[in-house]
Amino acid sequence: MRNYLKAELFRNFKRLFFWVIMICLVTCGLLGSWTLNYMNVHYDKNLTLEVLILIGINMIPVFTYLMGLFADISIGEELKNGTIKNIFSSGFSRGKIYICKVIEAIILVIICTIILLIVTSIGGYFVLGINTNESIRSTFQECLKRGSAAVFLWSGAIALSTLFYAVLRSGTIASLAYIFALTFVGEVVSALGQYINPIFTKMHKYLISTQLNNIAMADKVTNEMLITSGAIGLIYTIVLTVIGIMIINKRDI
């Protein structure tokens, strides 16, 4: 199982699609620093690297939409092309392969996020500079704390997207279902809580989207908030992965 995961990661590192995603993300980060520098020059602002990182933190919920791409890289294309049959016939159980696919997508997200943070921070440092050593240290600490909790929630989002690929025959429909779930489920649950039963209002705060918004937008995050978000993300990941294994074991591929 470990060797299979390593082989899959190595395969994806050689794929153009993965690096196109990586280059697009890094380009967006660098464009952000140049945009802030433009505002500094033309509008007499003092926007430093700290501001750029805080903007990145606020973009955590938006970044979640990309989890569908990583799930597609991991398992979506193989299901669509039917090449996953060859893997299933290699002797590995479908459950183990499915778990590897989820873990693979999570690892790819973590790698992309780390590269994005490092390259954008270096570029932002040279283009924008920093305010003070203390402020940049504090900003990075906030980024790492919130980002660490976000990784668990992103893992849950990846498990959700992978589940859609396992359930639905069309990769396009699976992608649309994932986008719909992120965008509208929160609003649907809120409406149900307002007009049907207040219990749905209590459920709303446990949604992945709600937790991501809390992490990104809160003026100050406590350790309790971070632990709660991480635990919720882990629960989603485990539960959705187990459901996905049950479905992929029964699916005719």
Protein backbone atom coordinates (compact mmCIF):
# COMPACT_ATOMS: atom_id res chain seq x y z
CA MET A 1 0.00 0.00 0.00
CA ARG A 2 2.84 2.39 0.88
CA ASN A 3 4.71 1.55 -2.32
CA TYR A 4 1.55 2.06 -4.37
CA LEU A 5 1.01 5.48 -2.77
CA LYS A 6 4.60 6.47 -3.52
CA ALA A 7 4.22 5.34 -7.12
CA GLU A 8 1.01 7.34 -7.53
CA LEU A 9 2.57 10.48 -6.06
CA PHE A 10 5.61 10.11 -8.33
CA ARG A 11 3.30 9.64 -11.32
CA ASN A 12 1.40 12.82 -10.53
CA PHE A 13 4.58 14.83 -9.96
CA LYS A 14 5.48 14.07 -13.57
CA ARG A 15 2.08 15.13 -14.93
CA LEU A 16 1.72 18.46 -16.68
CA PHE A 17 -1.75 19.05 -15.20
CA PHE A 18 -0.41 19.06 -11.64
CA TRP A 19 2.27 21.62 -12.47
CA VAL A 20 -0.18 23.77 -14.42
CA ILE A 21 -2.30 24.00 -11.27
CA MET A 22 0.80 24.77 -9.22
CA ILE A 23 2.00 27.49 -11.63
CA CYS A 24 -1.46 29.08 -11.76
CA LEU A 25 -1.65 29.24 -7.96
CA VAL A 26 1.85 30.70 -7.60
CA THR A 27 1.13 33.21 -10.36
CA CYS A 28 -2.00 34.37 -8.54
CA GLY A 29 0.03 34.82 -5.34
CA LEU A 30 2.73 36.84 -7.12
CA LEU A 31 0.13 38.91 -8.96
CA GLY A 32 -1.34 39.70 -5.56
CA SER A 33 1.97 41.11 -4.35
CA TRP A 34 2.42 43.17 -7.50
CA THR A 35 -1.14 44.50 -7.18
CA LEU A 36 -0.47 45.61 -3.62
CA ASN A 37 2.78 47.21 -4.76
CA TYR A 38 0.88 49.08 -7.47
CA MET A 39 -1.48 50.44 -4.82
CA ASN A 40 1.51 51.47 -2.70
CA VAL A 41 3.07 53.41 -5.56
CA HIS A 42 -0.03 55.03 -7.06
CA TYR A 43 -2.26 55.48 -4.00
CA ASP A 44 0.37 56.12 -1.32
CA LYS A 45 -0.49 52.98 0.66
CA ASN A 46 1.72 50.98 2.98
CA LEU A 47 0.68 47.42 2.12
CA THR A 48 3.33 44.94 3.20
CA LEU A 49 3.80 41.18 3.13
CA GLU A 50 1.71 40.90 6.27
CA VAL A 51 -1.32 42.22 4.34
CA LEU A 52 -0.71 39.76 1.50
CA ILE A 53 -0.63 36.82 3.91
CA LEU A 54 -3.81 37.98 5.64
CA ILE A 55 -5.52 38.17 2.25
CA GLY A 56 -4.35 34.61 1.63
CA ILE A 57 -5.91 33.52 4.94
CA ASN A 58 -9.20 35.10 3.89
CA MET A 59 -9.02 33.09 0.66
CA ILE A 60 -9.05 29.75 2.53
CA PRO A 61 -12.76 29.08 1.76
CA VAL A 62 -12.23 29.89 -1.94
CA PHE A 63 -9.21 27.57 -2.11
CA THR A 64 -11.52 24.74 -1.02
CA TYR A 65 -13.13 24.69 -4.46
CA LEU A 66 -9.80 23.46 -5.85
CA MET A 67 -10.04 20.28 -3.80
CA GLY A 68 -12.23 18.88 -6.56
CA LEU A 69 -9.31 19.25 -8.99
CA PHE A 70 -7.01 17.25 -6.74
CA ALA A 71 -9.63 14.52 -6.35
CA ASP A 72 -9.93 14.47 -10.15
CA ILE A 73 -6.15 14.10 -10.48
CA SER A 74 -6.16 11.27 -7.96
CA ILE A 75 -9.14 9.15 -9.01
CA GLY A 76 -11.49 11.06 -11.31
CA GLU A 77 -9.56 10.59 -14.55
CA GLU A 78 -8.89 6.91 -13.91
CA LEU A 79 -12.58 6.25 -13.29
CA LYS A 80 -13.52 8.22 -16.39
CA ASN A 81 -10.97 6.47 -18.63
CA GLY A 82 -11.53 3.06 -17.08
CA THR A 83 -7.82 2.61 -16.35
CA ILE A 84 -8.59 1.99 -12.68
CA LYS A 85 -9.61 -1.54 -13.75
CA ASN A 86 -5.94 -2.36 -14.19
CA ILE A 87 -5.22 -1.28 -10.62
CA PHE A 88 -8.13 -3.27 -9.22
CA SER A 89 -6.87 -6.37 -11.03
CA SER A 90 -3.35 -6.01 -9.61
CA GLY A 91 -4.21 -7.75 -6.36
CA PHE A 92 -4.87 -4.75 -4.10
CA SER A 93 -8.29 -4.53 -2.50
CA ARG A 94 -10.56 -1.77 -3.75
CA GLY A 95 -10.79 -0.37 -0.24
CA LYS A 96 -7.03 0.07 0.11
CA ILE A 97 -6.78 1.63 -3.34
CA TYR A 98 -9.59 4.05 -2.52
CA ILE A 99 -7.91 5.07 0.75
CA CYS A 100 -4.64 5.62 -1.12
CA LYS A 101 -6.43 7.84 -3.62
CA VAL A 102 -7.85 10.03 -0.84
CA ILE A 103 -4.48 10.23 0.95
CA GLU A 104 -2.74 10.96 -2.36
CA ALA A 105 -5.00 13.95 -3.05
CA ILE A 106 -4.49 15.27 0.50
CA ILE A 107 -0.69 15.03 0.18
CA LEU A 108 -0.78 16.83 -3.17
CA VAL A 109 -2.83 19.64 -1.63
CA ILE A 110 -0.40 19.99 1.28
CA ILE A 111 2.59 20.10 -1.09
CA CYS A 112 0.92 22.71 -3.31
CA THR A 113 -0.06 24.82 -0.31
CA ILE A 114 3.46 24.78 1.14
CA ILE A 115 5.04 25.69 -2.21
CA LEU A 116 2.47 28.45 -2.71
CA LEU A 117 3.15 29.91 0.74
CA ILE A 118 6.94 29.79 0.36
CA VAL A 119 7.14 31.24 -3.16
CA THR A 120 4.51 33.91 -2.51
CA SER A 121 6.14 34.93 0.77
CA ILE A 122 9.59 35.23 -0.83
CA GLY A 123 8.20 37.20 -3.77
CA GLY A 124 6.11 39.39 -1.47
CA TYR A 125 9.10 40.07 0.75
CA PHE A 126 11.15 41.48 -2.12
CA VAL A 127 8.25 43.36 -3.73
CA LEU A 128 6.45 44.68 -0.63
CA GLY A 129 8.82 44.31 2.30
CA ILE A 130 7.59 43.81 5.84
CA ASN A 131 6.35 46.08 8.58
CA THR A 132 8.36 44.75 11.53
CA ASN A 133 9.96 41.44 12.43
CA GLU A 134 7.46 41.01 15.23
CA SER A 135 4.44 41.65 13.00
CA ILE A 136 5.58 39.26 10.26
CA ARG A 137 6.31 36.58 12.87
CA SER A 138 2.85 37.03 14.36
CA THR A 139 1.23 36.94 10.91
CA PHE A 140 3.03 33.73 9.94
CA GLN A 141 1.95 32.15 13.22
CA GLU A 142 -1.68 33.00 12.46
CA CYS A 143 -1.26 31.65 8.94
CA LEU A 144 0.19 28.35 10.16
CA LYS A 145 -2.44 27.91 12.88
CA ARG A 146 -5.40 28.60 10.62
CA GLY A 147 -3.84 26.75 7.71
CA SER A 148 -3.22 23.64 9.80
CA ALA A 149 -6.87 23.49 10.81
CA ALA A 150 -7.90 24.19 7.22
CA VAL A 151 -5.91 21.16 5.99
CA PHE A 152 -8.15 18.85 8.05
CA LEU A 153 -11.26 20.51 6.61
CA TRP A 154 -9.80 20.38 3.10
CA SER A 155 -9.23 16.68 3.69
CA GLY A 156 -12.93 16.33 4.39
CA ALA A 157 -13.68 18.27 1.21
CA ILE A 158 -11.39 15.94 -0.76
CA ALA A 159 -13.15 12.92 0.73
CA LEU A 160 -16.48 14.46 -0.34
CA SER A 161 -15.30 15.14 -3.89
CA THR A 162 -13.79 11.64 -4.16
CA LEU A 163 -17.12 10.21 -2.99
CA PHE A 164 -18.95 12.05 -5.77
CA TYR A 165 -16.52 10.56 -8.30
CA ALA A 166 -17.19 7.10 -6.84
CA VAL A 167 -20.97 7.54 -6.96
CA LEU A 168 -21.47 9.37 -10.25
CA ARG A 169 -20.54 8.03 -13.65
CA SER A 170 -19.73 11.42 -15.12
CA GLY A 171 -16.69 13.37 -13.90
CA THR A 172 -18.36 16.61 -14.99
CA ILE A 173 -21.45 15.90 -12.92
CA ALA A 174 -19.26 14.89 -9.97
CA SER A 175 -17.42 18.22 -10.20
CA LEU A 176 -20.67 20.18 -10.42
CA ALA A 177 -22.11 18.23 -7.48
CA TYR A 178 -19.05 19.13 -5.39
CA ILE A 179 -19.30 22.82 -6.29
CA PHE A 180 -23.04 22.77 -5.53
CA ALA A 181 -22.43 21.12 -2.15
CA LEU A 182 -19.87 23.75 -1.13
CA THR A 183 -21.90 26.67 -2.42
CA PHE A 184 -25.49 25.90 -1.55
CA VAL A 185 -25.75 23.22 1.15
CA GLY A 186 -25.09 25.81 3.87
CA GLU A 187 -27.89 28.02 2.56
CA VAL A 188 -30.26 25.06 2.28
CA VAL A 189 -29.53 23.96 5.84
CA SER A 190 -30.03 27.54 7.08
CA ALA A 191 -33.40 27.74 5.32
CA LEU A 192 -34.44 24.40 6.80
CA GLY A 193 -33.47 25.67 10.23
CA GLN A 194 -35.53 28.82 9.77
CA TYR A 195 -38.66 27.28 8.27
CA ILE A 196 -38.67 23.57 9.18
CA ASN A 197 -36.82 22.74 12.39
CA PRO A 198 -34.29 24.66 14.53
CA ILE A 199 -32.11 21.55 14.72
CA PHE A 200 -30.86 22.35 11.21
CA THR A 201 -29.53 25.66 12.51
CA LYS A 202 -27.42 23.76 15.02
CA MET A 203 -26.22 21.44 12.25
CA HIS A 204 -25.13 24.39 10.13
CA LYS A 205 -22.14 25.21 12.32
CA TYR A 206 -20.72 21.71 11.74
CA LEU A 207 -20.57 22.06 7.96
CA ILE A 208 -17.14 22.18 6.32
CA SER A 209 -17.95 25.51 4.67
CA THR A 210 -19.04 27.05 7.98
CA GLN A 211 -15.88 25.93 9.77
CA LEU A 212 -13.68 27.21 6.94
CA ASN A 213 -15.37 30.61 7.06
CA ASN A 214 -14.88 30.73 10.83
CA ILE A 215 -11.17 29.98 10.49
CA ALA A 216 -10.66 32.49 7.70
CA MET A 217 -12.77 35.40 8.92
CA ALA A 218 -12.52 35.35 12.71
CA ASP A 219 -10.56 38.27 14.14
CA LYS A 220 -8.97 35.91 16.61
CA VAL A 221 -8.99 32.12 16.61
CA THR A 222 -8.69 30.22 19.86
CA ASN A 223 -7.11 26.82 20.34
CA GLU A 224 -10.60 25.47 21.00
CA MET A 225 -11.78 26.72 17.59
CA LEU A 226 -8.79 25.17 15.85
CA ILE A 227 -9.18 21.82 17.61
CA THR A 228 -12.91 21.76 16.89
CA SER A 229 -12.38 22.54 13.21
CA GLY A 230 -9.64 19.92 12.94
CA ALA A 231 -11.80 17.30 14.63
CA ILE A 232 -14.78 18.06 12.39
CA GLY A 233 -12.59 17.83 9.30
CA LEU A 234 -11.15 14.51 10.46
CA ILE A 235 -14.61 13.09 11.14
CA TYR A 236 -15.81 14.12 7.67
CA THR A 237 -12.72 12.56 6.11
CA ILE A 238 -13.15 9.23 7.89
CA VAL A 239 -16.92 8.94 7.45
CA LEU A 240 -16.99 9.98 3.79
CA THR A 241 -14.04 7.72 2.98
CA VAL A 242 -15.76 4.73 4.60
CA ILE A 243 -18.92 5.46 2.59
CA GLY A 244 -16.82 5.77 -0.55
CA ILE A 245 -15.17 2.39 0.09
CA MET A 246 -18.58 0.76 0.48
CA ILE A 247 -19.75 2.26 -2.80
CA ILE A 248 -16.60 1.51 -4.81
CA ASN A 249 -16.70 -2.10 -3.63
CA LYS A 250 -20.19 -2.48 -5.11
CA ARG A 251 -19.67 -0.38 -8.22
CA ASP A 252 -19.41 -2.15 -11.56
CA ILE A 253 -16.23 -0.81 -13.15
